[in-house]
Amino acid sequence: MEILEVEVKERLRREAVAERLRDLADMLARHNELEFERGGMRFKVKVPDEVELKVELEVESDERELEIELKW
């Protein structure tokens, strides 16, 4: 049973996506939590020293999708 789920989809330039991924990577490397702000609310999620990483690439004739998932 989910207590909370926050999902945001938006179209960004490739460089902006790279910046967001770097920000997430920095939070993981330097702190033991991830921080998000959505709708005027701030969320902090503690992250343990070890997590499960899943990277999935889907290639179709007209679309590509890369999913990066962290689970703990």
PDB file of N, CA and C in Angstrom:
ATOM      1  N   MET A   1       0.840  -1.179   0.000  1.00  0.00           N
ATOM      2  CA  MET A   1       0.000   0.000   0.000  1.00  0.00           C
ATOM      3  C   MET A   1       0.887   1.246   0.000  1.00  0.00           C
ATOM      4  N   GLU A   2       0.686   2.106  -0.975  1.00  0.00           N
ATOM      5  CA  GLU A   2       1.478   3.329  -1.077  1.00  0.00           C
ATOM      6  C   GLU A   2       0.987   4.370  -0.089  1.00  0.00           C
ATOM      7  N   ILE A   3       1.928   5.031   0.542  1.00  0.00           N
ATOM      8  CA  ILE A   3       1.593   6.138   1.427  1.00  0.00           C
ATOM      9  C   ILE A   3       1.651   7.444   0.654  1.00  0.00           C
ATOM     10  N   LEU A   4       2.636   7.550  -0.238  1.00  0.00           N
ATOM     11  CA  LEU A   4       2.821   8.781  -1.004  1.00  0.00           C
ATOM     12  C   LEU A   4       3.489   8.455  -2.325  1.00  0.00           C
ATOM     13  N   GLU A   5       3.022   9.067  -3.391  1.00  0.00           N
ATOM     14  CA  GLU A   5       3.681   8.968  -4.690  1.00  0.00           C
ATOM     15  C   GLU A   5       3.640  10.341  -5.338  1.00  0.00           C
ATOM     16  N   VAL A   6       4.799  10.802  -5.783  1.00  0.00           N
ATOM     17  CA  VAL A   6       4.903  12.086  -6.466  1.00  0.00           C
ATOM     18  C   VAL A   6       5.475  11.808  -7.844  1.00  0.00           C
ATOM     19  N   GLU A   7       4.727  12.130  -8.883  1.00  0.00           N
ATOM     20  CA  GLU A   7       5.192  11.899 -10.249  1.00  0.00           C
ATOM     21  C   GLU A   7       5.012  13.181 -11.045  1.00  0.00           C
ATOM     22  N   VAL A   8       6.056  13.559 -11.750  1.00  0.00           N
ATOM     23  CA  VAL A   8       6.009  14.756 -12.575  1.00  0.00           C
ATOM     24  C   VAL A   8       6.575  14.408 -13.944  1.00  0.00           C
ATOM     25  N   LYS A   9       5.838  14.742 -14.981  1.00  0.00           N
ATOM     26  CA  LYS A   9       6.326  14.567 -16.348  1.00  0.00           C
ATOM     27  C   LYS A   9       6.400  15.937 -16.983  1.00  0.00           C
ATOM     28  N   GLU A  10       7.521  16.223 -17.608  1.00  0.00           N
ATOM     29  CA  GLU A  10       7.676  17.500 -18.292  1.00  0.00           C
ATOM     30  C   GLU A  10       8.669  17.345 -19.429  1.00  0.00           C
ATOM     31  N   ARG A  11       8.567  18.193 -20.408  1.00  0.00           N
ATOM     32  CA  ARG A  11       9.490  18.174 -21.537  1.00  0.00           C
ATOM     33  C   ARG A  11      10.559  19.231 -21.286  1.00  0.00           C
ATOM     34  N   LEU A  12      11.819  18.791 -21.303  1.00  0.00           N
ATOM     35  CA  LEU A  12      12.952  19.679 -21.048  1.00  0.00           C
ATOM     36  C   LEU A  12      14.003  19.486 -22.124  1.00  0.00           C
ATOM     37  N   ARG A  13      14.885  20.454 -22.247  1.00  0.00           N
ATOM     38  CA  ARG A  13      16.034  20.296 -23.142  1.00  0.00           C
ATOM     39  C   ARG A  13      16.985  19.271 -22.525  1.00  0.00           C
ATOM     40  N   ARG A  14      17.718  18.597 -23.367  1.00  0.00           N
ATOM     41  CA  ARG A  14      18.649  17.555 -22.933  1.00  0.00           C
ATOM     42  C   ARG A  14      19.596  18.065 -21.849  1.00  0.00           C
ATOM     43  N   GLU A  15      20.094  19.296 -21.999  1.00  0.00           N
ATOM     44  CA  GLU A  15      21.029  19.865 -21.026  1.00  0.00           C
ATOM     45  C   GLU A  15      20.377  20.054 -19.657  1.00  0.00           C
ATOM     46  N   ALA A  16      19.105  20.439 -19.635  1.00  0.00           N
ATOM     47  CA  ALA A  16      18.387  20.622 -18.369  1.00  0.00           C
ATOM     48  C   ALA A  16      18.170  19.279 -17.675  1.00  0.00           C
ATOM     49  N   VAL A  17      17.901  18.241 -18.459  1.00  0.00           N
ATOM     50  CA  VAL A  17      17.751  16.899 -17.890  1.00  0.00           C
ATOM     51  C   VAL A  17      19.072  16.453 -17.267  1.00  0.00           C
ATOM     52  N   ALA A  18      20.169  16.689 -17.967  1.00  0.00           N
ATOM     53  CA  ALA A  18      21.489  16.323 -17.442  1.00  0.00           C
ATOM     54  C   ALA A  18      21.764  17.051 -16.129  1.00  0.00           C
ATOM     55  N   GLU A  19      21.375  18.313 -16.038  1.00  0.00           N
ATOM     56  CA  GLU A  19      21.580  19.077 -14.804  1.00  0.00           C
ATOM     57  C   GLU A  19      20.775  18.482 -13.648  1.00  0.00           C
ATOM     58  N   ARG A  20      19.541  18.092 -13.913  1.00  0.00           N
ATOM     59  CA  ARG A  20      18.714  17.477 -12.859  1.00  0.00           C
ATOM     60  C   ARG A  20      19.309  16.151 -12.397  1.00  0.00           C
ATOM     61  N   LEU A  21      19.797  15.355 -13.351  1.00  0.00           N
ATOM     62  CA  LEU A  21      20.420  14.084 -12.984  1.00  0.00           C
ATOM     63  C   LEU A  21      21.683  14.308 -12.156  1.00  0.00           C
ATOM     64  N   ARG A  22      22.469  15.337 -12.509  1.00  0.00           N
ATOM     65  CA  ARG A  22      23.662  15.666 -11.712  1.00  0.00           C
ATOM     66  C   ARG A  22      23.273  16.085 -10.299  1.00  0.00           C
ATOM     67  N   ASP A  23      22.199  16.873 -10.174  1.00  0.00           N
ATOM     68  CA  ASP A  23      21.724  17.288  -8.849  1.00  0.00           C
ATOM     69  C   ASP A  23      21.347  16.075  -7.999  1.00  0.00           C
ATOM     70  N   LEU A  24      20.628  15.122  -8.601  1.00  0.00           N
ATOM     71  CA  LEU A  24      20.266  13.901  -7.876  1.00  0.00           C
ATOM     72  C   LEU A  24      21.510  13.111  -7.484  1.00  0.00           C
ATOM     73  N   ALA A  25      22.449  12.994  -8.412  1.00  0.00           N
ATOM     74  CA  ALA A  25      23.684  12.264  -8.132  1.00  0.00           C
ATOM     75  C   ALA A  25      24.457  12.925  -6.995  1.00  0.00           C
ATOM     76  N   ASP A  26      24.509  14.258  -6.982  1.00  0.00           N
ATOM     77  CA  ASP A  26      25.197  14.975  -5.906  1.00  0.00           C
ATOM     78  C   ASP A  26      24.529  14.728  -4.558  1.00  0.00           C
ATOM     79  N   MET A  27      23.188  14.734  -4.524  1.00  0.00           N
ATOM     80  CA  MET A  27      22.487  14.465  -3.268  1.00  0.00           C
ATOM     81  C   MET A  27      22.808  13.062  -2.763  1.00  0.00           C
ATOM     82  N   LEU A  28      22.837  12.084  -3.670  1.00  0.00           N
ATOM     83  CA  LEU A  28      23.145  10.711  -3.281  1.00  0.00           C
ATOM     84  C   LEU A  28      24.580  10.575  -2.794  1.00  0.00           C
ATOM     85  N   ALA A  29      25.508  11.253  -3.450  1.00  0.00           N
ATOM     86  CA  ALA A  29      26.924  11.119  -3.117  1.00  0.00           C
ATOM     87  C   ALA A  29      27.298  11.850  -1.835  1.00  0.00           C
ATOM     88  N   ARG A  30      26.688  12.993  -1.575  1.00  0.00           N
ATOM     89  CA  ARG A  30      27.110  13.843  -0.458  1.00  0.00           C
ATOM     90  C   ARG A  30      26.250  13.710   0.787  1.00  0.00           C
ATOM     91  N   HIS A  31      25.027  13.269   0.622  1.00  0.00           N
ATOM     92  CA  HIS A  31      24.084  13.225   1.742  1.00  0.00           C
ATOM     93  C   HIS A  31      23.461  11.835   1.803  1.00  0.00           C
ATOM     94  N   ASN A  32      22.714  11.588   2.834  1.00  0.00           N
ATOM     95  CA  ASN A  32      22.011  10.310   2.904  1.00  0.00           C
ATOM     96  C   ASN A  32      20.513  10.512   2.700  1.00  0.00           C
ATOM     97  N   GLU A  33      20.165  11.515   1.888  1.00  0.00           N
ATOM     98  CA  GLU A  33      18.760  11.764   1.598  1.00  0.00           C
ATOM     99  C   GLU A  33      18.601  12.465   0.252  1.00  0.00           C
ATOM    100  N   LEU A  34      17.403  12.330  -0.303  1.00  0.00           N
ATOM    101  CA  LEU A  34      17.019  13.058  -1.505  1.00  0.00           C
ATOM    102  C   LEU A  34      15.990  14.094  -1.096  1.00  0.00           C
ATOM    103  N   GLU A  35      16.021  15.236  -1.746  1.00  0.00           N
ATOM    104  CA  GLU A  35      15.102  16.314  -1.405  1.00  0.00           C
ATOM    105  C   GLU A  35      14.387  16.778  -2.670  1.00  0.00           C
ATOM    106  N   PHE A  36      13.064  16.907  -2.571  1.00  0.00           N
ATOM    107  CA  PHE A  36      12.242  17.362  -3.688  1.00  0.00           C
ATOM    108  C   PHE A  36      11.309  18.456  -3.209  1.00  0.00           C
ATOM    109  N   GLU A  37      10.969  19.360  -4.113  1.00  0.00           N
ATOM    110  CA  GLU A  37       9.959  20.366  -3.802  1.00  0.00           C
ATOM    111  C   GLU A  37       8.911  20.323  -4.902  1.00  0.00           C
ATOM    112  N   ARG A  38       7.661  20.112  -4.504  1.00  0.00           N
ATOM    113  CA  ARG A  38       6.546  20.051  -5.445  1.00  0.00           C
ATOM    114  C   ARG A  38       5.352  20.764  -4.837  1.00  0.00           C
ATOM    115  N   GLY A  39       4.747  21.640  -5.597  1.00  0.00           N
ATOM    116  CA  GLY A  39       3.535  22.310  -5.145  1.00  0.00           C
ATOM    117  C   GLY A  39       3.697  23.057  -3.845  1.00  0.00           C
ATOM    118  N   GLY A  40       4.864  23.656  -3.636  1.00  0.00           N
ATOM    119  CA  GLY A  40       5.100  24.407  -2.415  1.00  0.00           C
ATOM    120  C   GLY A  40       5.421  23.547  -1.204  1.00  0.00           C
ATOM    121  N   MET A  41       5.484  22.231  -1.387  1.00  0.00           N
ATOM    122  CA  MET A  41       5.820  21.326  -0.284  1.00  0.00           C
ATOM    123  C   MET A  41       7.204  20.739  -0.519  1.00  0.00           C
ATOM    124  N   ARG A  42       7.960  20.568   0.551  1.00  0.00           N
ATOM    125  CA  ARG A  42       9.306  20.000   0.467  1.00  0.00           C
ATOM    126  C   ARG A  42       9.284  18.582   1.032  1.00  0.00           C
ATOM    127  N   PHE A  43       9.857  17.651   0.271  1.00  0.00           N
ATOM    128  CA  PHE A  43       9.923  16.250   0.673  1.00  0.00           C
ATOM    129  C   PHE A  43      11.377  15.853   0.847  1.00  0.00           C
ATOM    130  N   LYS A  44      11.679  15.160   1.937  1.00  0.00           N
ATOM    131  CA  LYS A  44      13.010  14.601   2.163  1.00  0.00           C
ATOM    132  C   LYS A  44      12.849  13.109   2.389  1.00  0.00           C
ATOM    133  N   VAL A  45      13.669  12.329   1.683  1.00  0.00           N
ATOM    134  CA  VAL A  45      13.610  10.878   1.789  1.00  0.00           C
ATOM    135  C   VAL A  45      15.003  10.370   2.125  1.00  0.00           C
ATOM    136  N   LYS A  46      15.137   9.671   3.232  1.00  0.00           N
ATOM    137  CA  LYS A  46      16.430   9.102   3.615  1.00  0.00           C
ATOM    138  C   LYS A  46      16.776   7.947   2.684  1.00  0.00           C
ATOM    139  N   VAL A  47      18.064   7.852   2.335  1.00  0.00           N
ATOM    140  CA  VAL A  47      18.552   6.810   1.435  1.00  0.00           C
ATOM    141  C   VAL A  47      19.642   6.025   2.161  1.00  0.00           C
ATOM    142  N   PRO A  48      19.525   4.690   2.225  1.00  0.00           N
ATOM    143  CA  PRO A  48      20.551   3.895   2.903  1.00  0.00           C
ATOM    144  C   PRO A  48      21.845   3.848   2.091  1.00  0.00           C
ATOM    145  N   ASP A  49      22.880   3.272   2.679  1.00  0.00           N
ATOM    146  CA  ASP A  49      24.181   3.184   2.015  1.00  0.00           C
ATOM    147  C   ASP A  49      24.147   2.320   0.757  1.00  0.00           C
ATOM    148  N   GLU A  50      23.259   1.333   0.710  1.00  0.00           N
ATOM    149  CA  GLU A  50      23.141   0.475  -0.470  1.00  0.00           C
ATOM    150  C   GLU A  50      21.710   0.499  -0.983  1.00  0.00           C
ATOM    151  N   VAL A  51      21.568   0.644  -2.302  1.00  0.00           N
ATOM    152  CA  VAL A  51      20.257   0.655  -2.946  1.00  0.00           C
ATOM    153  C   VAL A  51      20.302  -0.260  -4.169  1.00  0.00           C
ATOM    154  N   GLU A  52      19.137  -0.635  -4.647  1.00  0.00           N
ATOM    155  CA  GLU A  52      19.026  -1.425  -5.871  1.00  0.00           C
ATOM    156  C   GLU A  52      18.860  -0.449  -7.039  1.00  0.00           C
ATOM    157  N   LEU A  53      19.678  -0.605  -8.069  1.00  0.00           N
ATOM    158  CA  LEU A  53      19.629   0.255  -9.250  1.00  0.00           C
ATOM    159  C   LEU A  53      19.146  -0.562 -10.438  1.00  0.00           C
ATOM    160  N   LYS A  54      18.151  -0.038 -11.140  1.00  0.00           N
ATOM    161  CA  LYS A  54      17.632  -0.690 -12.344  1.00  0.00           C
ATOM    162  C   LYS A  54      17.673   0.333 -13.477  1.00  0.00           C
ATOM    163  N   VAL A  55      18.296  -0.032 -14.584  1.00  0.00           N
ATOM    164  CA  VAL A  55      18.339   0.823 -15.771  1.00  0.00           C
ATOM    165  C   VAL A  55      17.719   0.029 -16.908  1.00  0.00           C
ATOM    166  N   GLU A  56      16.722   0.612 -17.542  1.00  0.00           N
ATOM    167  CA  GLU A  56      15.994  -0.082 -18.606  1.00  0.00           C
ATOM    168  C   GLU A  56      15.927   0.814 -19.838  1.00  0.00           C
ATOM    169  N   LEU A  57      16.324   0.275 -20.976  1.00  0.00           N
ATOM    170  CA  LEU A  57      16.262   0.995 -22.247  1.00  0.00           C
ATOM    171  C   LEU A  57      15.297   0.264 -23.165  1.00  0.00           C
ATOM    172  N   GLU A  58      14.298   0.986 -23.666  1.00  0.00           N
ATOM    173  CA  GLU A  58      13.340   0.429 -24.618  1.00  0.00           C
ATOM    174  C   GLU A  58      13.491   1.174 -25.937  1.00  0.00           C
ATOM    175  N   VAL A  59      13.672   0.426 -27.017  1.00  0.00           N
ATOM    176  CA  VAL A  59      13.809   1.021 -28.343  1.00  0.00           C
ATOM    177  C   VAL A  59      12.685   0.480 -29.208  1.00  0.00           C
ATOM    178  N   GLU A  60      11.832   1.387 -29.659  1.00  0.00           N
ATOM    179  CA  GLU A  60      10.756   1.035 -30.576  1.00  0.00           C
ATOM    180  C   GLU A  60      11.003   1.765 -31.883  1.00  0.00           C
ATOM    181  N   SER A  61      10.202   1.494 -32.883  1.00  0.00           N
ATOM    182  CA  SER A  61      10.441   2.089 -34.198  1.00  0.00           C
ATOM    183  C   SER A  61      10.329   3.612 -34.185  1.00  0.00           C
ATOM    184  N   ASP A  62       9.454   4.160 -33.334  1.00  0.00           N
ATOM    185  CA  ASP A  62       9.244   5.607 -33.346  1.00  0.00           C
ATOM    186  C   ASP A  62       9.529   6.293 -32.012  1.00  0.00           C
ATOM    187  N   GLU A  63      10.001   5.541 -31.007  1.00  0.00           N
ATOM    188  CA  GLU A  63      10.182   6.135 -29.683  1.00  0.00           C
ATOM    189  C   GLU A  63      11.271   5.395 -28.915  1.00  0.00           C
ATOM    190  N   ARG A  64      11.979   6.126 -28.062  1.00  0.00           N
ATOM    191  CA  ARG A  64      12.992   5.550 -27.174  1.00  0.00           C
ATOM    192  C   ARG A  64      12.627   5.929 -25.746  1.00  0.00           C
ATOM    193  N   GLU A  65      12.921   5.030 -24.803  1.00  0.00           N
ATOM    194  CA  GLU A  65      12.628   5.320 -23.403  1.00  0.00           C
ATOM    195  C   GLU A  65      13.745   4.767 -22.531  1.00  0.00           C
ATOM    196  N   LEU A  66      14.240   5.608 -21.630  1.00  0.00           N
ATOM    197  CA  LEU A  66      15.254   5.207 -20.658  1.00  0.00           C
ATOM    198  C   LEU A  66      14.660   5.414 -19.272  1.00  0.00           C
ATOM    199  N   GLU A  67      14.583   4.339 -18.503  1.00  0.00           N
ATOM    200  CA  GLU A  67      14.075   4.422 -17.134  1.00  0.00           C
ATOM    201  C   GLU A  67      15.217   4.131 -16.174  1.00  0.00           C
ATOM    202  N   ILE A  68      15.346   4.972 -15.165  1.00  0.00           N
ATOM    203  CA  ILE A  68      16.337   4.774 -14.109  1.00  0.00           C
ATOM    204  C   ILE A  68      15.560   4.687 -12.805  1.00  0.00           C
ATOM    205  N   GLU A  69      15.723   3.578 -12.099  1.00  0.00           N
ATOM    206  CA  GLU A  69      14.945   3.346 -10.887  1.00  0.00           C
ATOM    207  C   GLU A  69      15.874   2.991  -9.733  1.00  0.00           C
ATOM    208  N   LEU A  70      15.678   3.646  -8.607  1.00  0.00           N
ATOM    209  CA  LEU A  70      16.382   3.318  -7.372  1.00  0.00           C
ATOM    210  C   LEU A  70      15.352   2.758  -6.407  1.00  0.00           C
ATOM    211  N   LYS A  71      15.718   1.677  -5.713  1.00  0.00           N
ATOM    212  CA  LYS A  71      14.765   1.038  -4.804  1.00  0.00           C
ATOM    213  C   LYS A  71      15.491   0.607  -3.544  1.00  0.00           C
ATOM    214  N   TRP A  72      14.844   0.808  -2.401  1.00  0.00           N
ATOM    215  CA  TRP A  72      15.406   0.345  -1.134  1.00  0.00           C
ATOM    216  C   TRP A  72      14.299   0.040  -0.161  1.00  0.00           C
TER     217      TRP A  72
END
